[in-house]
Amino acid sequence: MLCGGVDKYTYEGLKLHGNINICLIGEPSTSKTQLLKYLYNLYKNSIYLNGRNLSTNNLTGDIIQDSNTGEFYIENSLLMLANNGICCIDEFNKINIKDQNTLNEIIDSQTISIIKSSLQINLMTDISFLIMLILFFVNIIKINLFILILILVLLLLIDLIYFLLQLMKKITIMII
């Protein structure tokens, strides 16, 4: 992911992105968040987002009109700052559905769309995504339906999916 891939062009002139998108799915306390924060600190052009306090305006930016001159300008967003870098998203399943759809569009098309009144701007991006999902494996058969649908959607957008499981359960011994 740090090295990235190579952009390729088809005979029709379409650009195929060389970005590698990775999803980590696992139980709590398998150090997924520490891995995301380590990658965030390792690579200078990266951002770290938490799913609990994420909104579409923070991701895509906004079009603002200057009151003095009347000119429009684009306010920077988090994903604009991560261009040619890595976006680490922690607790992706805690993001509301509207913001998940926005992120899915950005991951799929590698464009940021900003629409305000009569203005529409599409910005090309080149971002690799590292997404983390929390999944409780109480019983493999009884997986939450929402998480299952989210994983199926991510299968279309993500290149690599890793499952992090705790194989050893905590054993308590009572001494009488």
C-alpha atoms as a PDB file:
ATOM      1  CA  MET A   1       0.000   0.000   0.000  1.00  0.00           C
ATOM      2  CA  LEU A   2       2.841   2.390   0.743  1.00  0.00           C
ATOM      3  CA  CYS A   3       4.507   1.584  -2.550  1.00  0.00           C
ATOM      4  CA  GLY A   4       1.218   1.702  -4.454  1.00  0.00           C
ATOM      5  CA  GLY A   5       0.487   0.359  -7.856  1.00  0.00           C
ATOM      6  CA  VAL A   6       0.977   1.596 -11.371  1.00  0.00           C
ATOM      7  CA  ASP A   7      -1.757   3.442 -13.241  1.00  0.00           C
ATOM      8  CA  LYS A   8      -2.622   1.730 -16.509  1.00  0.00           C
ATOM      9  CA  TYR A   9      -4.354   3.024 -19.604  1.00  0.00           C
ATOM     10  CA  THR A  10      -6.560   0.891 -21.835  1.00  0.00           C
ATOM     11  CA  TYR A  11      -6.681   1.093 -25.617  1.00  0.00           C
ATOM     12  CA  GLU A  12      -9.857   3.178 -25.293  1.00  0.00           C
ATOM     13  CA  GLY A  13      -7.982   5.723 -23.181  1.00  0.00           C
ATOM     14  CA  LEU A  14      -9.539   4.810 -19.839  1.00  0.00           C
ATOM     15  CA  LYS A  15      -7.322   5.187 -16.805  1.00  0.00           C
ATOM     16  CA  LEU A  16      -7.193   2.232 -14.419  1.00  0.00           C
ATOM     17  CA  HIS A  17      -6.051   3.352 -10.997  1.00  0.00           C
ATOM     18  CA  GLY A  18      -3.136   1.630  -9.361  1.00  0.00           C
ATOM     19  CA  ASN A  19      -4.357   2.361  -5.851  1.00  0.00           C
ATOM     20  CA  ILE A  20      -4.637  -0.522  -3.447  1.00  0.00           C
ATOM     21  CA  ASN A  21      -7.633  -0.425  -1.115  1.00  0.00           C
ATOM     22  CA  ILE A  22      -7.526  -2.670   1.955  1.00  0.00           C
ATOM     23  CA  CYS A  23     -10.198  -3.569   4.513  1.00  0.00           C
ATOM     24  CA  LEU A  24      -9.443  -4.980   7.973  1.00  0.00           C
ATOM     25  CA  ILE A  25     -12.359  -6.834   9.552  1.00  0.00           C
ATOM     26  CA  GLY A  26     -12.009  -8.181  13.026  1.00  0.00           C
ATOM     27  CA  GLU A  27     -13.043  -8.539  16.586  1.00  0.00           C
ATOM     28  CA  PRO A  28     -12.396  -5.888  19.197  1.00  0.00           C
ATOM     29  CA  SER A  29      -8.973  -5.877  20.844  1.00  0.00           C
ATOM     30  CA  THR A  30      -7.109  -7.255  17.816  1.00  0.00           C
ATOM     31  CA  SER A  31      -5.101  -4.001  17.484  1.00  0.00           C
ATOM     32  CA  LYS A  32      -6.664  -2.804  14.240  1.00  0.00           C
ATOM     33  CA  THR A  33      -6.744   0.808  15.414  1.00  0.00           C
ATOM     34  CA  GLN A  34      -3.075   0.718  16.400  1.00  0.00           C
ATOM     35  CA  LEU A  35      -2.219  -0.558  12.922  1.00  0.00           C
ATOM     36  CA  LEU A  36      -4.166   2.293  11.309  1.00  0.00           C
ATOM     37  CA  LYS A  37      -2.505   4.892  13.552  1.00  0.00           C
ATOM     38  CA  TYR A  38       0.939   3.427  12.857  1.00  0.00           C
ATOM     39  CA  LEU A  39       0.391   3.704   9.104  1.00  0.00           C
ATOM     40  CA  TYR A  40      -0.981   7.225   9.565  1.00  0.00           C
ATOM     41  CA  ASN A  41       2.166   8.266  11.451  1.00  0.00           C
ATOM     42  CA  LEU A  42       4.478   6.451   9.044  1.00  0.00           C
ATOM     43  CA  TYR A  43       3.281   8.058   5.816  1.00  0.00           C
ATOM     44  CA  LYS A  44       3.344  11.854   5.673  1.00  0.00           C
ATOM     45  CA  ASN A  45       0.495  12.341   3.193  1.00  0.00           C
ATOM     46  CA  SER A  46      -2.163  10.426   5.087  1.00  0.00           C
ATOM     47  CA  ILE A  47      -5.202  11.192   7.187  1.00  0.00           C
ATOM     48  CA  TYR A  48      -6.852   9.296  10.018  1.00  0.00           C
ATOM     49  CA  LEU A  49     -10.648   9.409  10.301  1.00  0.00           C
ATOM     50  CA  ASN A  50     -12.887   7.923  12.955  1.00  0.00           C
ATOM     51  CA  GLY A  51     -16.327   6.729  11.891  1.00  0.00           C
ATOM     52  CA  ARG A  52     -18.043   8.135  14.953  1.00  0.00           C
ATOM     53  CA  ASN A  53     -17.479  11.805  14.128  1.00  0.00           C
ATOM     54  CA  LEU A  54     -17.364  11.760  10.334  1.00  0.00           C
ATOM     55  CA  SER A  55     -19.600  13.848   8.071  1.00  0.00           C
ATOM     56  CA  THR A  56     -19.885  14.425   4.337  1.00  0.00           C
ATOM     57  CA  ASN A  57     -18.911  18.100   4.626  1.00  0.00           C
ATOM     58  CA  ASN A  58     -15.620  17.153   6.279  1.00  0.00           C
ATOM     59  CA  LEU A  59     -14.886  14.666   3.501  1.00  0.00           C
ATOM     60  CA  THR A  60     -15.826  16.463   0.306  1.00  0.00           C
ATOM     61  CA  GLY A  61     -15.416  20.140   1.135  1.00  0.00           C
ATOM     62  CA  ASP A  62     -17.683  23.034   0.318  1.00  0.00           C
ATOM     63  CA  ILE A  63     -18.102  25.836  -2.216  1.00  0.00           C
ATOM     64  CA  ILE A  64     -18.019  29.234  -0.521  1.00  0.00           C
ATOM     65  CA  GLN A  65     -18.732  32.627  -2.053  1.00  0.00           C
ATOM     66  CA  ASP A  66     -16.556  35.505  -0.958  1.00  0.00           C
ATOM     67  CA  SER A  67     -18.744  38.314   0.386  1.00  0.00           C
ATOM     68  CA  ASN A  68     -16.397  41.078  -0.823  1.00  0.00           C
ATOM     69  CA  THR A  69     -15.581  39.989  -4.374  1.00  0.00           C
ATOM     70  CA  GLY A  70     -18.433  37.589  -5.120  1.00  0.00           C
ATOM     71  CA  GLU A  71     -16.014  34.932  -6.346  1.00  0.00           C
ATOM     72  CA  PHE A  72     -16.451  31.289  -5.481  1.00  0.00           C
ATOM     73  CA  TYR A  73     -13.725  29.173  -3.978  1.00  0.00           C
ATOM     74  CA  ILE A  74     -13.437  25.621  -2.696  1.00  0.00           C
ATOM     75  CA  GLU A  75     -12.889  25.020   0.990  1.00  0.00           C
ATOM     76  CA  ASN A  76     -10.353  22.265   1.627  1.00  0.00           C
ATOM     77  CA  SER A  77     -11.595  18.911   2.823  1.00  0.00           C
ATOM     78  CA  LEU A  78      -9.889  15.992   4.482  1.00  0.00           C
ATOM     79  CA  LEU A  79      -9.821  13.901   1.307  1.00  0.00           C
ATOM     80  CA  MET A  80      -8.342  16.770  -0.696  1.00  0.00           C
ATOM     81  CA  LEU A  81      -5.509  16.913   1.806  1.00  0.00           C
ATOM     82  CA  ALA A  82      -4.933  13.157   1.407  1.00  0.00           C
ATOM     83  CA  ASN A  83      -4.573  13.308  -2.372  1.00  0.00           C
ATOM     84  CA  ASN A  84      -1.762  11.005  -3.547  1.00  0.00           C
ATOM     85  CA  GLY A  85      -1.786   9.488  -0.082  1.00  0.00           C
ATOM     86  CA  ILE A  86      -3.616   7.143   2.246  1.00  0.00           C
ATOM     87  CA  CYS A  87      -6.945   7.598   4.006  1.00  0.00           C
ATOM     88  CA  CYS A  88      -7.230   5.453   7.160  1.00  0.00           C
ATOM     89  CA  ILE A  89     -10.862   5.069   8.263  1.00  0.00           C
ATOM     90  CA  ASP A  90     -11.457   3.562  11.683  1.00  0.00           C
ATOM     91  CA  GLU A  91     -14.838   1.991  12.577  1.00  0.00           C
ATOM     92  CA  PHE A  92     -16.338   2.250   9.091  1.00  0.00           C
ATOM     93  CA  ASN A  93     -19.494   0.500  10.262  1.00  0.00           C
ATOM     94  CA  LYS A  94     -20.252   3.401  12.678  1.00  0.00           C
ATOM     95  CA  ILE A  95     -20.602   5.870   9.776  1.00  0.00           C
ATOM     96  CA  ASN A  96     -24.201   6.687   8.832  1.00  0.00           C
ATOM     97  CA  ILE A  97     -25.565   5.400   5.516  1.00  0.00           C
ATOM     98  CA  LYS A  98     -25.437   8.751   3.662  1.00  0.00           C
ATOM     99  CA  ASP A  99     -21.761   9.255   4.438  1.00  0.00           C
ATOM    100  CA  GLN A 100     -20.996   5.611   3.566  1.00  0.00           C
ATOM    101  CA  ASN A 101     -22.556   6.137   0.134  1.00  0.00           C
ATOM    102  CA  THR A 102     -20.415   9.237  -0.375  1.00  0.00           C
ATOM    103  CA  LEU A 103     -17.289   7.305   0.591  1.00  0.00           C
ATOM    104  CA  ASN A 104     -18.247   4.385  -1.668  1.00  0.00           C
ATOM    105  CA  GLU A 105     -18.560   6.791  -4.592  1.00  0.00           C
ATOM    106  CA  ILE A 106     -15.169   8.326  -3.851  1.00  0.00           C
ATOM    107  CA  ILE A 107     -13.513   4.906  -3.534  1.00  0.00           C
ATOM    108  CA  ASP A 108     -15.139   3.626  -6.717  1.00  0.00           C
ATOM    109  CA  SER A 109     -14.742   6.568  -9.083  1.00  0.00           C
ATOM    110  CA  GLN A 110     -11.770   8.314  -7.420  1.00  0.00           C
ATOM    111  CA  THR A 111     -13.574  11.646  -7.776  1.00  0.00           C
ATOM    112  CA  ILE A 112     -14.884  14.094  -5.192  1.00  0.00           C
ATOM    113  CA  SER A 113     -18.183  15.691  -6.255  1.00  0.00           C
ATOM    114  CA  ILE A 114     -19.168  18.998  -4.698  1.00  0.00           C
ATOM    115  CA  ILE A 115     -22.625  20.329  -5.551  1.00  0.00           C
ATOM    116  CA  LYS A 116     -24.016  23.595  -4.261  1.00  0.00           C
ATOM    117  CA  SER A 117     -26.981  25.442  -5.784  1.00  0.00           C
ATOM    118  CA  SER A 118     -26.098  25.789  -9.501  1.00  0.00           C
ATOM    119  CA  LEU A 119     -22.423  24.841  -9.208  1.00  0.00           C
ATOM    120  CA  GLN A 120     -21.058  21.328  -9.600  1.00  0.00           C
ATOM    121  CA  ILE A 121     -17.372  20.487  -9.314  1.00  0.00           C
ATOM    122  CA  ASN A 122     -15.758  17.086  -9.842  1.00  0.00           C
ATOM    123  CA  LEU A 123     -12.214  16.770  -8.533  1.00  0.00           C
ATOM    124  CA  MET A 124     -10.021  13.820  -9.484  1.00  0.00           C
ATOM    125  CA  THR A 125      -8.272  12.147  -6.569  1.00  0.00           C
ATOM    126  CA  ASP A 126      -5.626   9.491  -6.177  1.00  0.00           C
ATOM    127  CA  ILE A 127      -6.193   8.069  -2.695  1.00  0.00           C
ATOM    128  CA  SER A 128      -5.605   4.604  -1.267  1.00  0.00           C
ATOM    129  CA  PHE A 129      -8.050   3.590   1.451  1.00  0.00           C
ATOM    130  CA  LEU A 130      -7.415   1.468   4.529  1.00  0.00           C
ATOM    131  CA  ILE A 131     -10.772   0.711   6.137  1.00  0.00           C
ATOM    132  CA  MET A 132     -11.395  -1.002   9.465  1.00  0.00           C
ATOM    133  CA  LEU A 133     -14.628  -2.751  10.473  1.00  0.00           C
ATOM    134  CA  ILE A 134     -15.486  -4.140  13.877  1.00  0.00           C
ATOM    135  CA  LEU A 135     -17.240  -7.478  13.702  1.00  0.00           C
ATOM    136  CA  PHE A 136     -18.254  -9.576  16.651  1.00  0.00           C
ATOM    137  CA  PHE A 137     -17.777 -13.258  15.829  1.00  0.00           C
ATOM    138  CA  VAL A 138     -19.986 -14.647  18.569  1.00  0.00           C
ATOM    139  CA  ASN A 139     -21.271 -17.210  16.145  1.00  0.00           C
ATOM    140  CA  ILE A 140     -20.220 -17.255  12.483  1.00  0.00           C
ATOM    141  CA  ILE A 141     -23.788 -18.047  11.423  1.00  0.00           C
ATOM    142  CA  LYS A 142     -25.299 -15.179  13.412  1.00  0.00           C
ATOM    143  CA  ILE A 143     -23.471 -12.290  11.724  1.00  0.00           C
ATOM    144  CA  ASN A 144     -25.283  -8.972  11.798  1.00  0.00           C
ATOM    145  CA  LEU A 145     -27.198  -8.470   8.511  1.00  0.00           C
ATOM    146  CA  PHE A 146     -26.097  -4.826   8.239  1.00  0.00           C
ATOM    147  CA  ILE A 147     -22.427  -5.791   8.496  1.00  0.00           C
ATOM    148  CA  LEU A 148     -22.915  -8.576   5.951  1.00  0.00           C
ATOM    149  CA  ILE A 149     -24.449  -6.174   3.411  1.00  0.00           C
ATOM    150  CA  LEU A 150     -21.665  -3.665   4.100  1.00  0.00           C
ATOM    151  CA  ILE A 151     -19.028  -6.356   3.469  1.00  0.00           C
ATOM    152  CA  LEU A 152     -20.722  -7.335   0.190  1.00  0.00           C
ATOM    153  CA  VAL A 153     -20.692  -3.702  -0.981  1.00  0.00           C
ATOM    154  CA  LEU A 154     -17.047  -3.342   0.020  1.00  0.00           C
ATOM    155  CA  LEU A 155     -16.155  -6.479  -1.947  1.00  0.00           C
ATOM    156  CA  LEU A 156     -16.805  -4.480  -5.115  1.00  0.00           C
ATOM    157  CA  LEU A 157     -14.604  -1.579  -4.037  1.00  0.00           C
ATOM    158  CA  ILE A 158     -11.814  -3.113  -1.976  1.00  0.00           C
ATOM    159  CA  ASP A 159      -8.867  -5.064  -3.364  1.00  0.00           C
ATOM    160  CA  LEU A 160      -7.802  -6.960  -0.235  1.00  0.00           C
ATOM    161  CA  ILE A 161      -9.877  -7.977   2.784  1.00  0.00           C
ATOM    162  CA  TYR A 162      -8.187  -9.306   5.921  1.00  0.00           C
ATOM    163  CA  PHE A 163      -9.987 -10.949   8.831  1.00  0.00           C
ATOM    164  CA  LEU A 164      -8.348 -10.527  12.237  1.00  0.00           C
ATOM    165  CA  LEU A 165      -9.621 -13.064  14.763  1.00  0.00           C
ATOM    166  CA  GLN A 166      -8.709 -14.037  18.265  1.00  0.00           C
ATOM    167  CA  LEU A 167      -7.988 -17.727  18.069  1.00  0.00           C
ATOM    168  CA  MET A 168      -7.134 -18.163  21.726  1.00  0.00           C
ATOM    169  CA  LYS A 169      -9.924 -17.325  24.133  1.00  0.00           C
ATOM    170  CA  LYS A 170      -9.116 -16.250  27.636  1.00  0.00           C
ATOM    171  CA  ILE A 171      -9.042 -19.202  29.977  1.00  0.00           C
ATOM    172  CA  THR A 172      -9.713 -18.622  33.641  1.00  0.00           C
ATOM    173  CA  ILE A 173      -8.648 -21.213  36.208  1.00  0.00           C
ATOM    174  CA  MET A 174     -10.249 -21.235  39.606  1.00  0.00           C
ATOM    175  CA  ILE A 175      -8.104 -22.435  42.455  1.00  0.00           C
ATOM    176  CA  ILE A 176     -10.019 -23.615  45.464  1.00  0.00           C
END
